Protein backbone atom coordinates (compact mmCIF):
# COMPACT_ATOMS: atom_id res chain seq x y z
CA MET A 1 0.07 -0.04 0.12
CA ASN A 2 1.18 3.59 -0.45
CA PHE A 3 1.37 5.71 2.55
CA ASN A 4 0.64 9.21 3.27
CA PHE A 5 -2.72 9.38 1.64
CA GLU A 6 -6.09 10.13 2.90
CA ILE A 7 -8.44 7.23 2.86
CA ASP A 8 -11.90 7.81 1.11
CA THR A 9 -15.18 5.93 0.75
CA THR A 10 -13.82 4.22 -2.53
CA TRP A 11 -10.86 3.03 -0.75
CA CYS A 12 -12.68 1.58 2.13
CA LEU A 13 -15.42 -0.03 -0.13
CA GLU A 14 -12.85 -1.82 -2.15
CA GLN A 15 -10.99 -3.10 0.90
CA LEU A 16 -14.09 -4.22 2.62
CA LEU A 17 -15.00 -6.05 -0.78
CA LYS A 18 -11.55 -7.60 -1.06
CA ASP A 19 -11.76 -8.66 2.65
CA GLY A 20 -15.11 -10.35 2.12
CA ARG A 21 -17.02 -8.11 4.55
CA ILE A 22 -19.43 -6.69 2.01
CA LEU A 23 -20.93 -7.75 -1.39
CA GLU A 24 -20.76 -6.11 -4.66
CA ARG A 25 -24.18 -4.92 -4.45
CA ASP A 26 -23.52 -3.18 -1.27
CA LYS A 27 -20.42 -1.44 -2.63
CA LEU A 28 -22.69 -0.27 -5.73
CA LEU A 29 -25.51 0.87 -3.37
CA ILE A 30 -23.29 3.13 -1.41
CA GLN A 31 -21.50 4.53 -4.62
CA THR A 32 -24.76 5.43 -6.25
CA ARG A 33 -26.52 7.23 -3.05
CA HIS A 34 -25.99 10.62 -2.93
CA ARG A 35 -25.17 12.34 0.33
CA GLN A 36 -27.21 15.07 2.22
CA LYS A 37 -25.75 18.55 2.90
CA ASP A 38 -24.90 17.63 6.42
CA GLN A 39 -23.35 14.16 5.49
CA PHE A 40 -20.53 15.61 3.18
CA LYS A 41 -18.17 16.20 6.27
CA TRP A 42 -18.68 12.60 7.46
CA HIS A 43 -15.85 10.47 7.55
CA PRO A 44 -15.81 7.44 5.13
CA LEU A 45 -16.55 4.66 7.74
CA GLN A 46 -19.52 7.03 9.22
CA TRP A 47 -21.05 7.11 5.67
CA ILE A 48 -20.63 3.23 5.12
CA ALA A 49 -22.10 2.53 8.77
CA HIS A 50 -24.99 4.65 7.75
CA PHE A 51 -26.15 1.88 5.70
CA GLU A 52 -26.11 -0.86 8.25
CA LEU A 53 -24.82 -3.51 5.97
CA VAL A 54 -24.72 -7.09 6.90
CA ASP A 55 -21.03 -8.18 8.00
CA GLN A 56 -20.64 -11.02 5.38
CA VAL A 57 -17.88 -12.64 7.76
CA GLN A 58 -20.40 -12.65 10.78
CA PRO A 59 -23.83 -12.44 9.30
CA GLN A 60 -25.49 -12.07 12.73
CA HIS A 61 -23.80 -8.74 13.19
CA LYS A 62 -24.07 -5.44 11.05
CA LEU A 63 -21.22 -3.27 10.10
CA THR A 64 -21.51 -0.64 12.73
CA LEU A 65 -19.02 2.16 13.18
CA GLN A 66 -17.13 0.44 15.73
CA ARG A 67 -16.77 -2.72 13.76
CA LEU A 68 -15.59 -0.92 10.83
CA CYS A 69 -12.99 0.96 13.15
CA GLU A 70 -11.86 -2.44 14.64
CA TRP A 71 -11.62 -3.65 10.85
CA LEU A 72 -9.57 -0.60 9.81
CA ALA A 73 -7.30 -0.90 12.81
CA LEU A 74 -6.57 -4.60 12.00
CA LYS A 75 -6.12 -3.57 8.22
CA THR A 76 -3.70 -0.80 9.09
CA GLN A 77 -1.81 -2.66 11.98
CA LEU A 78 -2.66 0.09 14.33
CA GLN A 79 -4.08 -0.08 17.79
CA TYR A 80 -7.86 0.72 18.03
CA TYR A 81 -8.13 3.32 20.94
CA VAL A 82 -11.44 4.04 22.70
CA ILE A 83 -11.25 7.39 24.47
CA ASP A 84 -12.38 7.14 28.20
CA PRO A 85 -13.19 10.68 29.15
CA LEU A 86 -13.02 10.00 32.93
CA LYS A 87 -9.47 8.91 32.64
CA ALA A 88 -8.30 11.61 30.29
CA ASP A 89 -6.00 14.33 31.92
CA VAL A 90 -7.14 17.01 29.66
CA ALA A 91 -4.83 19.64 30.79
CA ALA A 92 -1.86 17.42 29.98
CA LEU A 93 -3.34 16.18 26.64
CA THR A 94 -4.10 19.64 25.36
CA GLN A 95 -0.47 20.87 26.11
CA VAL A 96 1.04 18.46 23.63
CA MET A 97 0.11 20.65 20.72
CA SER A 98 -1.73 23.67 19.88
CA GLN A 99 -5.41 23.72 18.87
CA GLU A 100 -4.81 25.00 15.50
CA TYR A 101 -2.07 22.20 14.93
CA ALA A 102 -4.56 19.58 16.12
CA PHE A 103 -7.62 20.78 14.13
CA LYS A 104 -5.72 21.22 11.05
CA ASN A 105 -4.34 17.66 10.98
CA LYS A 106 -7.43 16.16 12.83
CA ILE A 107 -5.25 14.56 15.51
CA LEU A 108 -5.63 14.36 19.42
CA ALA A 109 -3.44 13.53 22.19
CA VAL A 110 -4.96 10.57 23.99
CA GLU A 111 -2.36 9.69 26.60
CA VAL A 112 1.04 11.09 27.90
CA HIS A 113 3.55 9.03 29.52
CA PRO A 114 7.29 9.69 30.47
CA ASP A 115 8.67 8.19 27.53
CA GLN A 116 5.96 8.20 24.82
CA ILE A 117 2.68 9.89 23.75
CA LEU A 118 -0.28 8.38 22.11
CA ILE A 119 -1.70 10.48 19.30
CA GLY A 120 -5.02 9.42 17.80
CA THR A 121 -6.34 10.01 14.19
CA ASP A 122 -8.94 8.71 11.98
CA GLN A 123 -6.65 8.81 8.93
CA PRO A 124 -4.14 6.03 9.36
CA PHE A 125 -2.00 6.76 6.13
CA LEU A 126 -1.45 10.43 6.83
CA ASP A 127 1.83 10.77 8.84
CA ASP A 128 3.51 14.21 7.82
CA TRP A 129 2.48 15.48 11.30
CA VAL A 130 4.51 12.71 12.95
CA LYS A 131 7.75 13.91 11.92
CA ASN A 132 6.98 17.35 13.07
CA LEU A 133 5.65 16.49 16.37
CA GLU A 134 8.82 14.03 16.91
CA LYS A 135 11.02 16.89 16.54
CA SER A 136 9.07 19.18 18.96
CA LEU A 137 8.40 16.48 21.57
CA SER A 138 11.73 14.78 21.41
CA PRO A 139 13.09 12.53 23.09
CA LYS A 140 9.55 11.12 23.75
CA LYS A 141 8.11 8.66 21.11
CA ILE A 142 5.17 9.14 19.21
CA VAL A 143 2.76 6.17 18.88
CA LYS A 144 -0.11 6.65 16.50
CA VAL A 145 -3.38 5.11 17.29
CA LEU A 146 -6.67 4.82 15.53
CA LEU A 147 -9.92 6.50 16.79
CA ASN A 148 -13.61 6.25 16.26
CA PRO A 149 -14.23 9.27 13.92
CA GLU A 150 -17.25 10.37 16.07
CA GLN A 151 -15.01 10.30 19.20
CA LEU A 152 -12.31 12.35 17.51
CA GLN A 153 -14.69 14.92 16.27
CA ARG A 154 -16.25 15.26 19.49
CA TYR A 155 -13.29 15.28 22.01
CA LEU A 156 -11.08 17.46 19.65
CA ILE A 157 -13.52 20.19 20.15
CA GLU A 158 -14.54 19.51 23.94
CA TYR A 159 -10.98 19.04 25.18
CA TYR A 160 -9.68 22.40 23.91
CA GLN A 161 -12.85 24.35 24.64
CA VAL A 162 -12.46 23.11 28.35
CA SER A 163 -8.86 23.74 28.38
CA ARG A 164 -9.28 27.15 26.78
CA ALA A 165 -12.13 27.87 29.51
CA VAL A 166 -9.97 27.13 32.40
CA ASN A 167 -6.78 28.92 30.95
CA SER A 168 -8.79 32.10 30.01
CA SER A 169 -10.43 32.35 33.23
CA GLN A 170 -7.07 32.78 34.83
CA TYR A 171 -6.79 36.18 33.26
CA SER A 172 -10.15 37.52 33.61
CA GLY A 173 -10.44 40.76 35.45
CA ALA A 174 -12.46 40.55 38.40
CA TYR A 175 -11.46 40.29 42.10
CA ASP A 176 -12.14 37.75 44.75
CA ARG A 177 -10.22 37.99 47.77
CA GLN A 178 -10.39 35.60 50.87
CA SER A 179 -10.85 32.58 48.55
CA ARG A 180 -8.58 30.44 50.48
CA GLY A 181 -9.18 29.42 54.16
CA VAL A 182 -5.96 29.16 55.81
CA GLU A 183 -2.44 30.48 55.18
CA SER A 184 -3.84 32.75 52.52
CA LEU A 185 -0.68 34.74 51.54
CA LEU A 186 -1.33 38.19 49.83
CA GLN A 187 0.41 38.42 46.70
CA LEU A 188 0.11 41.92 45.29
CA GLY A 189 1.17 40.93 42.00
CA ASP A 190 -1.30 38.29 41.48
CA SER A 191 -4.43 39.62 42.54
CA GLN A 192 -6.86 38.99 39.58
CA ASN A 193 -9.11 36.03 39.87
CA PRO A 194 -11.76 34.73 37.62
CA ASP A 195 -15.23 36.27 37.96
CA ALA A 196 -18.28 33.83 38.45
CA ASN A 197 -20.06 35.82 35.59
CA ASP A 198 -16.99 35.34 33.04
CA GLN A 199 -17.91 33.72 29.83
CA HIS A 200 -15.42 31.04 30.45
CA ILE A 201 -16.65 30.13 33.80
CA VAL A 202 -20.04 30.11 32.38
CA LYS A 203 -18.87 27.51 29.52
CA LEU A 204 -16.94 25.32 32.22
CA VAL A 205 -20.04 25.19 34.15
CA ASP A 206 -22.40 24.26 31.27
CA TRP A 207 -19.76 21.61 30.37
CA LEU A 208 -19.45 20.19 33.99
CA LEU A 209 -22.98 19.71 34.27
CA GLN A 210 -23.78 18.13 30.73
CA PHE A 211 -20.77 15.76 31.26
CA ALA A 212 -22.00 14.73 34.40
CA PHE A 213 -25.49 13.85 33.14
CA GLU A 214 -23.97 11.93 30.18
CA GLN A 215 -21.70 9.95 32.30
CA GLY A 216 -24.74 8.89 34.59
CA ALA A 217 -23.07 10.73 37.69
CA SER A 218 -25.16 10.68 40.80
CA ASP A 219 -22.79 13.38 42.70
CA ILE A 220 -20.30 16.09 41.56
CA HIS A 221 -17.76 16.90 44.10
CA LEU A 222 -15.93 20.28 43.65
CA GLU A 223 -12.96 20.10 46.11
CA PRO A 224 -10.44 23.02 46.73
CA ARG A 225 -6.70 22.22 47.30
CA ALA A 226 -3.72 24.46 48.08
CA GLU A 227 -2.53 24.72 44.41
CA LYS A 228 -5.00 22.70 42.15
CA GLY A 229 -8.73 22.22 42.80
CA ARG A 230 -10.26 18.84 42.02
CA VAL A 231 -13.44 17.89 40.24
CA ARG A 232 -14.90 14.24 40.91
CA PHE A 233 -18.00 12.30 39.88
CA ARG A 234 -19.53 9.49 41.84
CA ILE A 235 -20.73 6.92 39.17
CA ASP A 236 -22.22 3.76 40.35
CA GLY A 237 -21.09 4.41 43.94
CA VAL A 238 -17.44 5.19 43.13
CA LEU A 239 -15.85 8.42 42.92
CA HIS A 240 -13.77 9.26 39.57
CA THR A 241 -11.34 12.35 39.36
CA ILE A 242 -12.37 14.12 36.15
CA TYR A 243 -10.52 17.18 36.03
CA ASN A 244 -7.75 19.12 38.26
CA MET A 245 -7.97 22.99 37.75
CA PRO A 246 -6.34 26.04 39.45
CA SER A 247 -7.89 26.83 42.91
CA ASN A 248 -9.03 30.22 41.78
CA THR A 249 -10.79 28.95 38.76
CA LEU A 250 -12.52 26.21 41.00
CA THR A 251 -13.66 28.97 43.20
CA ALA A 252 -15.26 30.83 40.32
CA VAL A 253 -16.93 27.59 39.18
CA ILE A 254 -18.25 27.12 42.59
CA SER A 255 -19.31 30.78 42.85
CA ARG A 256 -21.17 30.52 39.63
CA ILE A 257 -23.15 27.42 40.64
CA LYS A 258 -24.13 29.38 43.91
CA ILE A 259 -25.53 32.20 41.57
CA LEU A 260 -27.61 29.41 39.74
CA GLY A 261 -28.89 27.98 43.10
CA ARG A 262 -29.67 31.31 44.59
CA MET A 263 -27.23 30.90 47.43
CA ASN A 264 -25.30 33.72 49.08
CA VAL A 265 -22.19 34.08 47.02
CA ALA A 266 -20.44 36.38 49.74
CA GLU A 267 -20.95 33.77 52.51
CA LYS A 268 -18.04 31.35 52.52
CA ARG A 269 -17.87 30.66 56.35
CA ARG A 270 -21.03 28.81 56.78
CA PRO A 271 -22.45 25.75 55.07
CA GLN A 272 -25.15 26.51 52.66
CA ASP A 273 -27.78 24.43 50.82
CA GLY A 274 -29.26 25.10 47.52
CA ARG A 275 -30.93 23.64 44.46
CA LEU A 276 -31.31 24.27 40.89
CA LYS A 277 -33.17 23.08 37.71
CA THR A 278 -31.61 22.26 34.63
CA ARG A 279 -32.17 19.93 31.34
CA THR A 280 -30.07 16.96 30.69
CA PRO A 281 -28.82 16.21 26.95
CA LYS A 282 -31.89 14.34 26.32
CA GLY A 283 -34.06 17.45 27.23
CA GLN A 284 -35.39 15.99 30.72
CA GLU A 285 -35.75 18.48 33.40
CA THR A 286 -33.77 17.59 36.37
CA GLU A 287 -33.06 18.85 39.69
CA LEU A 288 -29.61 19.23 41.59
CA ARG A 289 -29.17 19.70 45.32
CA LEU A 290 -26.35 21.71 46.24
CA SER A 291 -24.33 21.76 49.50
CA THR A 292 -21.29 23.76 50.48
CA LEU A 293 -18.88 23.26 53.20
CA PRO A 294 -15.86 25.78 54.50
CA THR A 295 -12.72 23.83 54.34
CA ALA A 296 -9.14 24.50 55.31
CA ALA A 297 -8.19 25.02 51.64
CA GLY A 298 -11.58 27.11 50.62
CA GLU A 299 -15.21 26.41 50.01
CA LYS A 300 -16.18 22.82 48.83
CA MET A 301 -19.05 22.00 47.06
CA VAL A 302 -21.10 18.78 46.22
CA MET A 303 -24.03 18.65 43.95
CA ARG A 304 -26.49 15.68 44.08
CA ILE A 305 -28.13 14.87 40.81
CA PHE A 306 -31.58 13.64 41.05
CA ASP A 307 -32.53 11.16 38.25
CA PRO A 308 -35.91 12.26 36.64
CA GLU A 309 -36.86 8.80 35.68
CA VAL A 310 -36.82 7.58 39.44
CA LEU A 311 -40.35 8.47 39.94
CA VAL A 312 -41.52 6.23 36.85
CA ARG A 313 -39.47 3.19 37.90
CA SER A 314 -41.45 0.10 38.68
CA PHE A 315 -40.56 -2.14 41.73
CA GLN A 316 -39.07 -4.79 39.16
CA GLN A 317 -36.77 -2.15 37.89
CA LEU A 318 -35.64 -1.38 41.36
CA GLY A 319 -34.86 -5.14 41.84
CA PHE A 320 -38.00 -6.40 43.62
CA GLU A 321 -39.14 -9.97 42.39
CA GLY A 322 -40.72 -12.87 43.42
CA LYS A 323 -41.89 -13.21 47.06
CA LEU A 324 -40.20 -9.68 47.99
CA LEU A 325 -42.54 -8.14 45.17
CA GLU A 326 -45.66 -9.73 46.53
CA GLN A 327 -44.99 -8.82 50.29
CA TRP A 328 -44.10 -5.21 49.30
CA ASN A 329 -47.16 -4.70 47.24
CA ALA A 330 -49.48 -6.23 50.00
CA ILE A 331 -47.82 -4.15 52.76
CA THR A 332 -48.08 -0.93 50.99
CA LYS A 333 -51.79 -1.46 50.52
CA ASN A 334 -52.42 -1.10 54.26
CA SER A 335 -54.64 1.76 55.46
CA HIS A 336 -52.34 2.64 58.56
CA GLY A 337 -49.27 1.38 60.21
CA ILE A 338 -45.65 2.30 59.69
CA ILE A 339 -43.42 0.91 56.99
CA LEU A 340 -39.58 1.54 57.47
CA VAL A 341 -36.92 1.64 55.00
CA THR A 342 -33.38 1.19 56.54
CA GLY A 343 -29.89 1.58 55.24
CA PRO A 344 -26.79 3.90 55.01
CA THR A 345 -26.81 7.16 53.08
CA GLY A 346 -26.83 6.36 49.23
CA SER A 347 -28.41 3.12 49.50
CA GLY A 348 -31.25 4.03 47.35
CA LYS A 349 -33.84 4.55 50.40
CA THR A 350 -35.37 7.71 49.00
CA THR A 351 -35.80 6.13 45.38
CA THR A 352 -37.55 3.00 47.21
CA LEU A 353 -39.91 5.54 49.14
CA TYR A 354 -40.68 7.92 46.07
CA SER A 355 -41.47 4.99 43.67
CA SER A 356 -43.71 3.39 46.40
CA MET A 357 -45.57 6.78 46.82
CA LYS A 358 -45.76 7.45 43.16
CA GLN A 359 -47.63 4.03 42.60
CA LEU A 360 -49.84 4.82 45.62
CA ALA A 361 -50.54 8.40 44.97
CA THR A 362 -54.14 8.41 43.18
CA GLU A 363 -56.76 11.03 42.87
CA GLN A 364 -58.38 9.39 45.87
CA LEU A 365 -55.62 9.72 48.30
CA ASN A 366 -53.88 12.57 49.92
CA VAL A 367 -50.11 11.95 49.91
CA CYS A 368 -47.92 14.19 52.08
CA THR A 369 -44.27 14.38 53.01
CA ILE A 370 -42.08 16.01 55.39
CA GLU A 371 -38.62 16.19 54.15
CA ASP A 372 -35.14 17.47 54.66
CA PRO A 373 -34.63 18.71 52.25
CA ILE A 374 -37.27 18.06 49.46
CA GLU A 375 -35.37 15.54 47.30
CA MET A 376 -37.49 15.78 44.01
CA ILE A 377 -40.48 17.83 43.26
CA GLU A 378 -43.56 15.50 42.45
CA PRO A 379 -46.83 17.27 41.77
CA SER A 380 -48.99 14.15 42.92
CA PHE A 381 -47.33 14.77 46.57
CA ASN A 382 -47.88 17.64 49.02
CA GLN A 383 -44.33 18.11 49.94
CA MET A 384 -43.11 20.02 52.94
CA GLN A 385 -39.49 21.06 53.92
CA VAL A 386 -38.34 21.31 57.60
CA ASN A 387 -36.67 24.46 58.55
CA PRO A 388 -35.00 24.30 61.93
CA ALA A 389 -34.37 28.35 61.58
CA ILE A 390 -37.94 28.89 62.35
CA ASP A 391 -38.29 25.57 64.80
CA LEU A 392 -39.90 23.54 62.00
CA HIS A 393 -38.73 19.93 62.66
CA PHE A 394 -39.69 16.60 61.50
CA ALA A 395 -42.14 16.14 64.56
CA ASP A 396 -43.74 19.77 64.00
CA GLY A 397 -44.08 18.90 60.36
CA VAL A 398 -45.94 15.26 61.23
CA ARG A 399 -48.19 17.24 63.81
CA ALA A 400 -48.96 19.83 61.08
CA LEU A 401 -49.72 17.27 58.48
CA MET A 402 -52.08 15.21 60.52
CA ARG A 403 -54.41 18.27 60.54
CA GLN A 404 -54.39 18.27 56.73
CA ASP A 405 -56.51 14.98 56.25
CA PRO A 406 -53.73 12.95 54.85
CA ASP A 407 -54.03 9.23 53.69
CA ILE A 408 -50.13 8.66 53.51
CA ILE A 409 -47.46 10.60 55.27
CA MET A 410 -43.91 10.08 54.34
CA VAL A 411 -41.44 11.20 57.19
CA GLY A 412 -37.86 11.76 55.51
CA GLU A 413 -36.07 10.31 58.50
CA ILE A 414 -36.84 9.31 62.02
CA ARG A 415 -33.85 10.61 63.89
CA ASP A 416 -35.27 11.56 67.38
CA GLN A 417 -37.95 10.55 69.90
CA ASP A 418 -40.20 13.24 69.27
CA THR A 419 -40.33 12.31 65.37
CA ALA A 420 -40.76 8.73 66.13
CA ASN A 421 -43.68 9.35 68.71
CA MET A 422 -45.34 11.68 66.26
CA ALA A 423 -45.08 9.02 63.45
CA ILE A 424 -46.32 6.21 65.92
CA GLN A 425 -49.30 8.59 66.80
CA ALA A 426 -50.03 9.24 62.95
CA ALA A 427 -50.29 5.34 62.60
CA LEU A 428 -52.38 4.86 65.52
CA THR A 429 -54.92 7.39 64.20
CA GLY A 430 -55.26 5.77 60.89
CA HIS A 431 -52.62 6.85 58.65
CA LEU A 432 -50.26 4.83 56.58
CA VAL A 433 -46.59 6.41 57.48
CA LEU A 434 -43.51 5.74 55.48
CA SER A 435 -40.05 6.56 56.84
CA THR A 436 -36.50 5.83 56.99
CA LEU A 437 -33.88 4.89 59.70
CA HIS A 438 -30.22 4.49 59.45
CA THR A 439 -29.44 0.98 60.60
CA ASN A 440 -27.45 -1.96 59.25
CA ASP A 441 -30.30 -4.24 58.91
CA ALA A 442 -34.06 -4.91 59.20
CA PRO A 443 -34.05 -6.32 62.98
CA SER A 444 -31.60 -3.63 64.36
CA SER A 445 -34.39 -0.95 63.14
CA LEU A 446 -36.64 -2.14 65.87
CA THR A 447 -34.07 -1.97 68.57
CA ARG A 448 -32.93 1.65 67.26
CA LEU A 449 -36.66 2.85 67.91
CA HIS A 450 -36.55 1.39 71.44
CA ASP A 451 -33.18 3.25 71.91
CA LEU A 452 -34.91 6.44 70.86
CA GLY A 453 -37.11 5.97 73.74
CA VAL A 454 -40.19 4.58 71.85
CA GLN A 455 -42.22 1.83 74.11
CA PRO A 456 -41.78 -1.61 72.66
CA PHE A 457 -45.67 -2.29 72.76
CA LEU A 458 -46.29 0.82 70.67
CA THR A 459 -43.63 -0.48 68.06
CA ALA A 460 -45.33 -3.72 67.96
CA ALA A 461 -48.55 -2.02 67.64
CA THR A 462 -47.70 0.03 64.55
CA ILE A 463 -44.85 -1.29 62.45
CA LEU A 464 -45.96 -3.32 59.39
CA GLY A 465 -42.61 -4.21 58.20
CA VAL A 466 -38.96 -3.11 57.77
CA LEU A 467 -37.13 -3.14 54.43
CA ALA A 468 -33.32 -3.04 54.61
CA GLN A 469 -31.39 -2.38 51.25
CA ARG A 470 -28.13 -1.89 49.60
CA LEU A 471 -27.17 -1.11 46.09
CA VAL A 472 -24.66 -3.17 44.55
CA ARG A 473 -23.12 -2.56 41.02
CA LYS A 474 -24.32 -4.50 38.16
CA LEU A 475 -21.86 -6.64 35.99
CA CYS A 476 -21.39 -5.23 32.54
CA SER A 477 -23.27 -7.58 30.11
CA HIS A 478 -20.70 -6.93 27.32
CA CYS A 479 -17.66 -8.25 28.95
CA LYS A 480 -18.61 -10.20 32.12
CA GLU A 481 -16.62 -13.76 32.32
CA LYS A 482 -16.90 -16.98 34.22
CA ARG A 483 -14.32 -18.00 36.64
CA GLU A 484 -14.01 -20.43 39.38
CA ILE A 485 -15.69 -19.68 42.64
CA ASN A 486 -13.71 -18.91 45.92
CA ALA A 487 -15.28 -21.40 48.21
CA GLN A 488 -13.81 -19.74 51.31
CA GLU A 489 -15.47 -16.54 50.42
CA TRP A 490 -18.77 -18.07 49.40
CA GLU A 491 -18.88 -19.90 52.79
CA HIS A 492 -17.98 -16.76 54.50
CA LEU A 493 -20.98 -14.75 52.86
CA THR A 494 -23.53 -17.66 53.10
CA TYR A 495 -22.58 -18.77 56.61
CA GLY A 496 -25.61 -20.27 58.32
CA TYR A 497 -27.89 -20.54 55.41
CA LEU A 498 -28.26 -23.40 52.89
CA VAL A 499 -27.39 -21.79 49.56
CA LYS A 500 -25.91 -24.06 47.07
CA MET A 501 -22.26 -22.96 46.03
CA PRO A 502 -22.28 -22.80 42.04
CA ALA A 503 -19.37 -24.36 40.26
CA GLN A 504 -18.49 -20.74 38.56
CA VAL A 505 -19.38 -17.34 38.76
CA TYR A 506 -19.09 -14.21 36.77
CA HIS A 507 -16.46 -11.63 37.40
CA ALA A 508 -15.83 -8.17 36.34
CA LYS A 509 -13.28 -7.92 33.44
CA GLY A 510 -13.75 -4.43 31.88
CA CYS A 511 -14.54 -2.86 28.37
CA GLU A 512 -15.20 0.33 26.74
CA HIS A 513 -18.82 0.01 27.37
CA CYS A 514 -18.31 0.13 31.22
CA ARG A 515 -15.38 2.41 31.15
CA HIS A 516 -13.06 -0.66 31.97
CA THR A 517 -14.45 -1.19 35.38
CA GLY A 518 -16.34 -4.40 34.69
CA TYR A 519 -19.48 -2.81 36.10
CA LYS A 520 -22.50 -0.79 34.69
CA GLY A 521 -25.39 0.43 36.71
CA ARG A 522 -26.55 -0.49 40.10
CA VAL A 523 -29.32 -2.85 41.44
CA GLY A 524 -30.95 -3.20 44.91
CA ILE A 525 -30.69 -6.04 47.27
CA TYR A 526 -33.15 -6.20 49.80
CA GLU A 527 -33.86 -7.84 53.28
CA PHE A 528 -37.74 -7.69 54.05
CA MET A 529 -38.87 -8.35 57.49
CA PRO A 530 -42.69 -8.47 57.83
CA VAL A 531 -44.00 -7.95 61.36
CA SER A 532 -46.10 -11.06 62.03
CA LEU A 533 -48.41 -11.74 64.97
CA GLU A 534 -45.59 -13.68 66.58
CA THR A 535 -43.02 -11.03 65.87
CA LYS A 536 -45.23 -8.59 67.59
CA GLN A 537 -45.08 -10.60 70.65
CA LYS A 538 -41.63 -10.85 70.60
CA ILE A 539 -41.10 -7.05 70.14
CA SER A 540 -43.41 -6.57 73.16
CA ALA A 541 -41.37 -8.89 75.22
CA ASN A 542 -38.43 -6.24 74.60
CA LEU A 543 -36.02 -9.04 72.90
CA ASN A 544 -32.43 -8.03 72.59
CA LEU A 545 -31.20 -7.55 68.79
CA ASP A 546 -29.38 -11.22 68.67
CA GLU A 547 -32.88 -12.74 69.74
CA LEU A 548 -34.71 -10.50 67.25
CA ARG A 549 -32.49 -11.80 64.58
CA ALA A 550 -32.73 -15.58 65.22
CA HIS A 551 -36.54 -14.96 65.28
CA ALA A 552 -36.32 -13.29 61.85
CA LYS A 553 -34.31 -16.17 60.55
CA LYS A 554 -36.81 -18.69 61.97
CA GLU A 555 -39.66 -16.79 60.02
CA GLY A 556 -37.81 -17.11 56.83
CA VAL A 557 -36.30 -13.88 56.59
CA GLU A 558 -33.20 -13.76 54.63
CA PRO A 559 -30.38 -11.12 55.45
CA LEU A 560 -28.86 -8.94 52.78
CA ARG A 561 -25.77 -11.04 52.41
CA ILE A 562 -28.11 -14.00 51.25
CA ALA A 563 -30.00 -11.52 48.81
CA GLY A 564 -26.45 -10.59 47.44
CA ALA A 565 -25.46 -14.14 47.07
CA ARG A 566 -28.66 -15.03 44.94
CA LYS A 567 -27.68 -11.72 42.53
CA VAL A 568 -24.22 -13.51 42.18
CA LEU A 569 -25.97 -16.85 41.30
CA GLU A 570 -27.97 -15.05 38.83
CA GLY A 571 -24.97 -13.42 37.28
CA VAL A 572 -26.03 -9.89 38.06
CA THR A 573 -22.98 -8.88 40.36
CA THR A 574 -19.84 -10.29 41.85
CA LEU A 575 -18.94 -12.07 45.04
CA GLU A 576 -16.42 -9.16 45.77
CA GLU A 577 -19.15 -6.53 45.26
CA VAL A 578 -21.49 -8.09 47.65
CA LEU A 579 -18.75 -8.51 50.14
CA ARG A 580 -17.69 -4.82 49.73
CA VAL A 581 -21.31 -3.46 50.40
CA VAL A 582 -23.41 -5.75 52.75
CA PRO A 583 -22.71 -6.14 56.62
CA LEU A 584 -21.72 -9.57 57.45
CA SER A 585 -22.52 -9.55 61.08
């Protein structure tokens, strides 16, 4: 083959035909089809993928853009590189070459190492730029890799836009003193910091939010440091570092978000809460809950992103199935009593409660909530927020709601004796109460109420059931692989219960679909303890926690670890993930 030429549609079709990937009629079809105006800029592989031809080597597959890229990489003996934006050091990558040079040659640095730099392209035979870069980047070696043209086009623009926004914000003309918390040394020659309304900061915030939505993040952490501020996303329960930027730029980003959230921008000494509404790339309206915290290095912010699809999820989508689904449907149809959902922060309690109430909320029922804060606005609920500044606490809220002729009351959290007593009072007077507790398992929530000062006979009279839950990461369906099971770990997980050990289980491998983590998405695992007549008698007898757990086991209640073991058997998650998440006591 002749080198240093630009591949076109004709060359690609000839090579695909030669390799037996397409038929002659496929080639003629594409050659005789006229492109629309917006399709003239498409890469040849994008144009061919547009026709969704059958791959003649593997007829069960179509020639998607990805398969065509893999074919071209094999054909040209280049590595096919898939960009993972979560692992990209954008600041370092954009320093390799100027934006003008990158755009002119349609190339992008994708990895920077001490001895070599990986440069991505979608034109494998054009290499004039290689010699120029080798001279300027010597002694580092240049390694050419093949990129998906869609990824190249997107990140070529995005990386340089973000980098330019960060760099430009360093030289904006506004002042922002006291952005540092401690040891803030006044440097008279370096007093200009970016303003929250600067156009570069506005662009940076827009990119940050859209990128978080696209990656499926549940939280955005903006963390100040002495020299470089850090941006991290929580995805599937795990934090990933996204970007490191100058501290004064991060301060301006936080100030911009505070403006959007209608918070006091000047107040940096006290924690603040706020919320803002925006739209995802799919056009869905979503809410973000904002929280700031003064730290030694400056003001830190965490943004909690609420998934707009949470309220329309069915119980099956949450992981309820079989016996649990029947029990939960039955218990939520009661007209009075207390249903508790328990687990640590981030275990999906709010999602379970909102989904349950959404399915219960009909025109015939008055559903009211008292929350701290209101997590998501739902028109079918009457939602109220606690406000300690005016002495409006959970107990006061429940007391007020009881005069509003409610059918169902959701109390955000039972955290003190007053709230617990008011919830019990509401249940005894004919209301269905749903609430949460922070305990490790279902039986311990009953003893937790007793610790708060609730009389055991009142607990027995009002509690209908307790649901303990955790979220475990789901295995990526594209790359999960079977392996031999670790018998010791399995016995440790299922100790005391008869759960047959499988010969093999799935483990996390990692691919481009799951960002090379092996996991994609999360699913709930549950321990449901219905309060039967016999259980009520045990509660009234004020049994200790170990005795309650033994009784629950006798009644067929399976703990979280056994629910997790069943998810491992089904190939939904891994043994390691369940052991990481669930309590084994």
